[in-house]
Amino acid sequence: MFCLSSVMKTTTRIYFLYIAMMRFSAAEELKRNLNGVVGGNVTFPDPLLELGFLLEGITNLAMVNEGKLQILEEKYKNKLHWNRNSGLFTITDLQKSDSGDYNIDSKGGRALSVSYSLTVYDGAPTPAVETLTVSSDSCWLLCSVDKATSLLWYKDQEVQNQNSSASSLPITVHKEDRDSSYRCVAANPAENKTLHVNVRTACGFNETESGGNQRAYFIGVGVSVLLVVFVAGIFWMIKQRILGKKQPVRQTQGGRIDRAGPEPSPSCMTAVRYNCQTDAAAH
């Protein structure tokens, strides 16, 4: 009998322990974490359509009955809203004091109780980017915010650098990646703000390419001009050599064309005139 009694007690303990674990597990499954931003809104994702309550801790904030909402806490008169069609509650104009545990307790139809842990954060800071150093093939950019938060640098869809709590975060951009999409993201669990960066402008890659193109253009023009002058000089020298080999021609008194040659001596010139006169007298 003693052994049987011990076994029954042990079995009973195991049974109640199992029931407790099942209840604990169910409660965990029905608890949701929600995040909000100061000044923003949050909507509880589970509906209350017929009859039930919205509670903060153990305080009843509002009651729904026969399709009508009754707000029970004065501070929620203008910031708690209920959509009759969807059955969803929304809290507007969130403040950090709204952080806490909430519960939707549905009594109509299938009874259901869902818990929420709401955390309200300050808005994510707006990031700014400045150029620190620039070289011919790379540059160094710095993303900064006015208070520490999670910072991330993205190149296209890939994270290049990150810090979970920082006020600034650097990144090196190489010239061959100048056509990639870069962005700095400041984030907290409730919000993120993104700044897209044109690295061609931020790193001066456009100006570097433009200057190189202009230098190449002027060098090309200069070489072309020198080549034209050189070729023209060669042609002029060849022409002068060809003309120098040709002898000039002149016309004599008798109308005969004679090529210029060595000047005749005076005696030869006298003989020529005498022969010309003799020939004229004979005729």
Protein backbone atom coordinates (compact mmCIF):
# COMPACT_ATOMS: atom_id res chain seq x y z
CA MET A 1 0.00 0.00 0.00
CA PHE A 2 2.83 2.37 0.81
CA CYS A 3 4.47 1.79 -2.55
CA LEU A 4 1.18 2.24 -4.40
CA SER A 5 0.51 5.52 -2.61
CA SER A 6 3.98 6.84 -3.47
CA VAL A 7 3.48 5.97 -7.12
CA MET A 8 0.10 7.75 -7.23
CA LYS A 9 1.57 10.87 -5.64
CA THR A 10 4.44 10.89 -8.10
CA THR A 11 2.06 10.43 -11.02
CA THR A 12 -0.14 13.27 -9.79
CA ARG A 13 2.83 15.60 -9.48
CA ILE A 14 3.97 14.77 -13.00
CA TYR A 15 0.47 15.41 -14.35
CA PHE A 16 0.15 18.83 -12.74
CA LEU A 17 3.68 19.72 -13.81
CA TYR A 18 2.77 18.79 -17.39
CA ILE A 19 -0.39 20.95 -17.24
CA ALA A 20 1.60 23.90 -15.90
CA MET A 21 4.20 23.56 -18.65
CA MET A 22 1.49 23.44 -21.32
CA ARG A 23 -0.11 26.61 -19.96
CA PHE A 24 3.26 28.36 -19.77
CA SER A 25 4.05 27.33 -23.35
CA ALA A 26 0.67 28.57 -24.61
CA ALA A 27 1.18 31.90 -22.86
CA GLU A 28 4.55 32.30 -24.51
CA GLU A 29 3.13 31.56 -27.96
CA LEU A 30 0.47 34.27 -27.53
CA LYS A 31 2.85 36.99 -26.38
CA ARG A 32 4.09 39.38 -29.08
CA ASN A 33 6.76 42.06 -29.08
CA LEU A 34 5.84 45.38 -30.68
CA ASN A 35 8.01 48.42 -31.35
CA GLY A 36 7.00 52.02 -31.90
CA VAL A 37 8.57 55.44 -32.47
CA VAL A 38 7.89 58.57 -30.45
CA GLY A 39 5.15 60.48 -32.25
CA GLY A 40 4.21 57.45 -34.36
CA ASN A 41 1.47 54.83 -34.24
CA VAL A 42 1.21 51.16 -33.33
CA THR A 43 -1.57 48.72 -34.20
CA PHE A 44 -2.19 45.54 -32.23
CA PRO A 45 -2.42 42.79 -34.83
CA ASP A 46 -5.13 40.63 -33.21
CA PRO A 47 -8.79 41.65 -33.61
CA LEU A 48 -11.47 42.14 -30.98
CA LEU A 49 -14.78 42.07 -32.83
CA GLU A 50 -17.61 41.24 -30.43
CA LEU A 51 -17.03 41.52 -26.69
CA GLY A 52 -13.82 42.05 -24.71
CA PHE A 53 -11.25 44.39 -23.21
CA LEU A 54 -7.93 46.06 -23.93
CA LEU A 55 -5.78 46.20 -20.81
CA GLU A 56 -2.45 47.78 -19.89
CA GLY A 57 -1.07 45.64 -17.14
CA ILE A 58 -4.13 45.10 -14.93
CA THR A 59 -5.82 48.35 -15.93
CA ASN A 60 -8.79 48.23 -18.31
CA LEU A 61 -8.18 50.84 -21.03
CA ALA A 62 -11.21 50.16 -23.21
CA MET A 63 -14.16 47.83 -23.66
CA VAL A 64 -15.88 46.66 -26.84
CA ASN A 65 -19.53 45.59 -26.62
CA GLU A 66 -22.08 45.17 -29.42
CA GLY A 67 -19.85 46.91 -31.97
CA LYS A 68 -19.20 49.96 -29.82
CA LEU A 69 -16.02 51.18 -28.16
CA GLN A 70 -15.97 52.60 -24.67
CA ILE A 71 -12.66 54.15 -23.53
CA LEU A 72 -12.22 53.80 -19.78
CA GLU A 73 -8.95 55.73 -19.23
CA GLU A 74 -8.95 59.50 -19.78
CA LYS A 75 -5.39 59.71 -21.19
CA TYR A 76 -6.42 57.44 -24.09
CA LYS A 77 -9.52 59.42 -25.10
CA ASN A 78 -7.83 60.99 -28.15
CA LYS A 79 -5.08 58.44 -28.89
CA LEU A 80 -6.78 55.04 -28.73
CA HIS A 81 -8.79 54.04 -31.81
CA TRP A 82 -10.72 50.91 -32.75
CA ASN A 83 -11.65 49.85 -36.28
CA ARG A 84 -15.13 48.35 -36.25
CA ASN A 85 -14.56 46.43 -39.50
CA SER A 86 -11.17 44.89 -38.72
CA GLY A 87 -11.52 44.83 -34.93
CA LEU A 88 -7.97 46.20 -34.50
CA PHE A 89 -6.83 48.67 -31.84
CA THR A 90 -4.37 51.47 -32.70
CA ILE A 91 -2.53 53.82 -30.34
CA THR A 92 -1.46 57.12 -31.94
CA ASP A 93 0.99 59.84 -30.87
CA LEU A 94 3.18 57.35 -29.06
CA GLN A 95 5.33 58.48 -26.14
CA LYS A 96 7.97 56.59 -24.22
CA SER A 97 5.54 56.40 -21.31
CA ASP A 98 3.32 54.18 -23.50
CA SER A 99 5.88 51.38 -23.29
CA GLY A 100 4.56 48.46 -21.31
CA ASP A 101 2.58 45.20 -21.37
CA TYR A 102 -0.85 45.17 -23.04
CA ASN A 103 -3.46 42.47 -23.32
CA ILE A 104 -6.45 41.87 -25.58
CA ASP A 105 -8.99 39.73 -23.72
CA SER A 106 -11.72 38.51 -26.06
CA LYS A 107 -14.90 37.17 -24.44
CA GLY A 108 -17.10 36.74 -27.49
CA GLY A 109 -17.10 33.65 -29.70
CA ARG A 110 -13.87 31.73 -29.09
CA ALA A 111 -12.33 33.26 -25.96
CA LEU A 112 -8.78 34.42 -26.58
CA SER A 113 -6.21 36.35 -24.59
CA VAL A 114 -3.17 37.80 -26.35
CA SER A 115 -0.36 39.71 -24.61
CA TYR A 116 1.96 42.33 -26.11
CA SER A 117 5.17 43.91 -24.92
CA LEU A 118 5.35 47.39 -26.43
CA THR A 119 8.60 49.38 -26.51
CA VAL A 120 8.59 52.97 -27.74
CA TYR A 121 11.90 54.32 -29.07
CA ASP A 122 13.14 57.73 -30.09
CA GLY A 123 13.19 58.17 -33.84
CA ALA A 124 16.33 57.02 -35.64
CA PRO A 125 18.74 59.93 -36.25
CA THR A 126 19.31 61.24 -39.75
CA PRO A 127 22.75 60.22 -41.08
CA ALA A 128 25.18 62.60 -42.79
CA VAL A 129 28.21 61.69 -44.92
CA GLU A 130 31.46 63.60 -45.39
CA THR A 131 34.55 62.90 -47.50
CA LEU A 132 37.70 62.56 -45.40
CA THR A 133 40.46 61.65 -47.87
CA VAL A 134 40.69 61.17 -51.63
CA SER A 135 43.40 59.53 -53.73
CA SER A 136 43.64 58.68 -57.41
CA ASP A 137 42.08 55.23 -56.97
CA SER A 138 40.04 55.40 -53.71
CA CYS A 139 38.45 57.63 -51.10
CA TRP A 140 37.41 57.43 -47.44
CA LEU A 141 33.85 58.39 -46.45
CA LEU A 142 32.49 58.87 -42.94
CA CYS A 143 28.82 58.44 -41.99
CA SER A 144 27.85 60.17 -38.74
CA VAL A 145 24.78 60.82 -36.55
CA ASP A 146 24.16 63.12 -33.60
CA LYS A 147 23.68 60.26 -31.10
CA ALA A 148 24.88 56.68 -30.92
CA THR A 149 22.73 54.15 -32.77
CA SER A 150 23.12 51.18 -35.08
CA LEU A 151 25.00 52.26 -38.23
CA LEU A 152 25.45 50.26 -41.43
CA TRP A 153 27.22 50.90 -44.74
CA TYR A 154 25.77 49.09 -47.77
CA LYS A 155 27.30 48.57 -51.22
CA ASP A 156 24.40 47.50 -53.44
CA GLN A 157 22.66 44.88 -51.23
CA GLU A 158 25.72 43.81 -49.22
CA VAL A 159 26.71 45.16 -45.80
CA GLN A 160 30.28 46.53 -45.98
CA ASN A 161 30.66 47.85 -42.44
CA GLN A 162 28.43 48.04 -39.35
CA ASN A 163 28.38 48.95 -35.67
CA SER A 164 25.47 48.28 -33.29
CA SER A 165 26.15 51.41 -31.23
CA ALA A 166 28.18 54.21 -32.77
CA SER A 167 27.96 57.87 -33.73
CA SER A 168 30.18 57.49 -36.83
CA LEU A 169 31.25 54.75 -39.23
CA PRO A 170 33.84 54.93 -42.06
CA ILE A 171 34.09 53.10 -45.38
CA THR A 172 36.67 52.93 -48.16
CA VAL A 173 35.38 53.24 -51.73
CA HIS A 174 37.57 52.07 -54.59
CA LYS A 175 37.42 53.75 -57.99
CA GLU A 176 36.47 50.53 -59.77
CA ASP A 177 33.29 50.45 -57.59
CA ARG A 178 32.20 53.99 -58.53
CA ASP A 179 29.10 52.68 -60.35
CA SER A 180 27.87 50.69 -57.33
CA SER A 181 25.05 51.93 -55.09
CA TYR A 182 26.26 53.07 -51.66
CA ARG A 183 24.06 54.02 -48.70
CA CYS A 184 24.44 54.65 -44.99
CA VAL A 185 21.63 53.46 -42.69
CA ALA A 186 20.93 54.61 -39.13
CA ALA A 187 18.57 52.18 -37.43
CA ASN A 188 16.91 51.20 -34.18
CA PRO A 189 14.40 48.36 -33.59
CA ALA A 190 11.49 50.58 -34.59
CA GLU A 191 12.82 52.71 -37.46
CA ASN A 192 15.65 53.25 -39.89
CA LYS A 193 16.76 56.22 -41.97
CA THR A 194 18.80 55.85 -45.14
CA LEU A 195 21.12 58.25 -46.94
CA HIS A 196 22.08 57.34 -50.51
CA VAL A 197 25.57 58.50 -51.54
CA ASN A 198 26.74 59.33 -55.07
CA VAL A 199 30.35 58.20 -54.74
CA ARG A 200 31.29 59.67 -58.14
CA THR A 201 30.53 63.11 -56.72
CA ALA A 202 31.59 62.48 -53.12
CA CYS A 203 34.96 61.03 -54.15
CA GLY A 204 35.53 63.32 -57.15
CA PHE A 205 35.84 60.41 -59.55
CA ASN A 206 33.99 62.38 -62.25
CA GLU A 207 36.39 65.32 -61.98
CA THR A 208 39.42 63.02 -62.11
CA GLU A 209 38.15 61.35 -65.26
CA SER A 210 37.26 64.70 -66.84
CA GLY A 211 40.72 66.11 -66.16
CA GLY A 212 42.34 63.00 -67.60
CA ASN A 213 40.19 63.19 -70.71
CA GLN A 214 41.07 66.85 -71.23
CA ARG A 215 44.77 66.17 -70.86
CA ALA A 216 44.53 63.28 -73.32
CA TYR A 217 42.65 65.52 -75.77
CA PHE A 218 45.21 68.31 -75.68
CA ILE A 219 48.10 65.87 -75.96
CA GLY A 220 46.46 64.27 -78.99
CA VAL A 221 45.90 67.65 -80.63
CA GLY A 222 49.51 68.66 -79.98
CA VAL A 223 50.90 65.44 -81.45
CA SER A 224 48.68 65.82 -84.51
CA VAL A 225 49.89 69.40 -85.14
CA LEU A 226 53.53 68.39 -84.78
CA LEU A 227 52.99 65.48 -87.17
CA VAL A 228 51.42 67.75 -89.79
CA VAL A 229 54.29 70.25 -89.51
CA PHE A 230 56.85 67.47 -89.77
CA VAL A 231 55.24 65.97 -92.89
CA ALA A 232 54.89 69.41 -94.50
CA GLY A 233 58.60 70.06 -93.85
CA ILE A 234 59.59 66.77 -95.47
CA PHE A 235 57.54 67.56 -98.58
CA TRP A 236 59.08 71.05 -98.81
CA MET A 237 62.63 69.64 -98.61
CA ILE A 238 61.89 67.03 -101.28
CA LYS A 239 60.43 69.71 -103.56
CA GLN A 240 63.48 71.93 -103.15
CA ARG A 241 65.80 69.04 -104.01
CA ILE A 242 63.83 68.23 -107.18
CA LEU A 243 63.75 71.86 -108.33
CA GLY A 244 67.47 72.26 -107.65
CA LYS A 245 68.33 69.53 -110.18
CA LYS A 246 66.54 71.29 -113.06
CA GLN A 247 68.52 73.97 -115.03
CA PRO A 248 66.77 77.26 -115.88
CA VAL A 249 66.28 78.16 -119.60
CA ARG A 250 66.58 81.53 -121.41
CA GLN A 251 65.73 82.92 -124.84
CA THR A 252 68.51 84.25 -127.15
CA GLN A 253 68.31 87.35 -129.37
CA GLY A 254 67.58 85.23 -132.44
CA GLY A 255 64.58 83.70 -130.71
CA ARG A 256 66.34 80.40 -130.14
CA ILE A 257 65.75 78.86 -126.69
CA ASP A 258 68.96 77.87 -125.04
CA ARG A 259 69.56 76.35 -121.64
CA ALA A 260 71.57 78.42 -119.34
CA GLY A 261 75.15 77.32 -119.20
CA PRO A 262 78.55 78.84 -118.44
CA GLU A 263 78.92 82.46 -119.50
CA PRO A 264 80.94 82.64 -122.87
CA SER A 265 84.20 84.57 -122.97
CA PRO A 266 84.31 88.07 -124.58
CA SER A 267 86.27 86.80 -127.63
CA CYS A 268 83.66 84.13 -128.23
CA MET A 269 80.89 86.71 -128.00
CA THR A 270 82.71 88.90 -130.62
CA ALA A 271 83.04 85.99 -133.02
CA VAL A 272 79.41 85.20 -132.68
CA ARG A 273 78.37 88.79 -133.48
CA TYR A 274 80.76 88.89 -136.51
CA ASN A 275 79.35 85.68 -137.92
CA CYS A 276 75.84 86.99 -137.47
CA GLN A 277 76.71 90.25 -139.34
CA THR A 278 78.42 88.34 -142.23
CA ASP A 279 75.46 86.14 -142.63
CA ALA A 280 73.16 89.17 -142.71
CA ALA A 281 75.28 90.93 -145.48
CA ALA A 282 75.27 87.83 -147.59
CA HIS A 283 71.54 87.80 -147.48
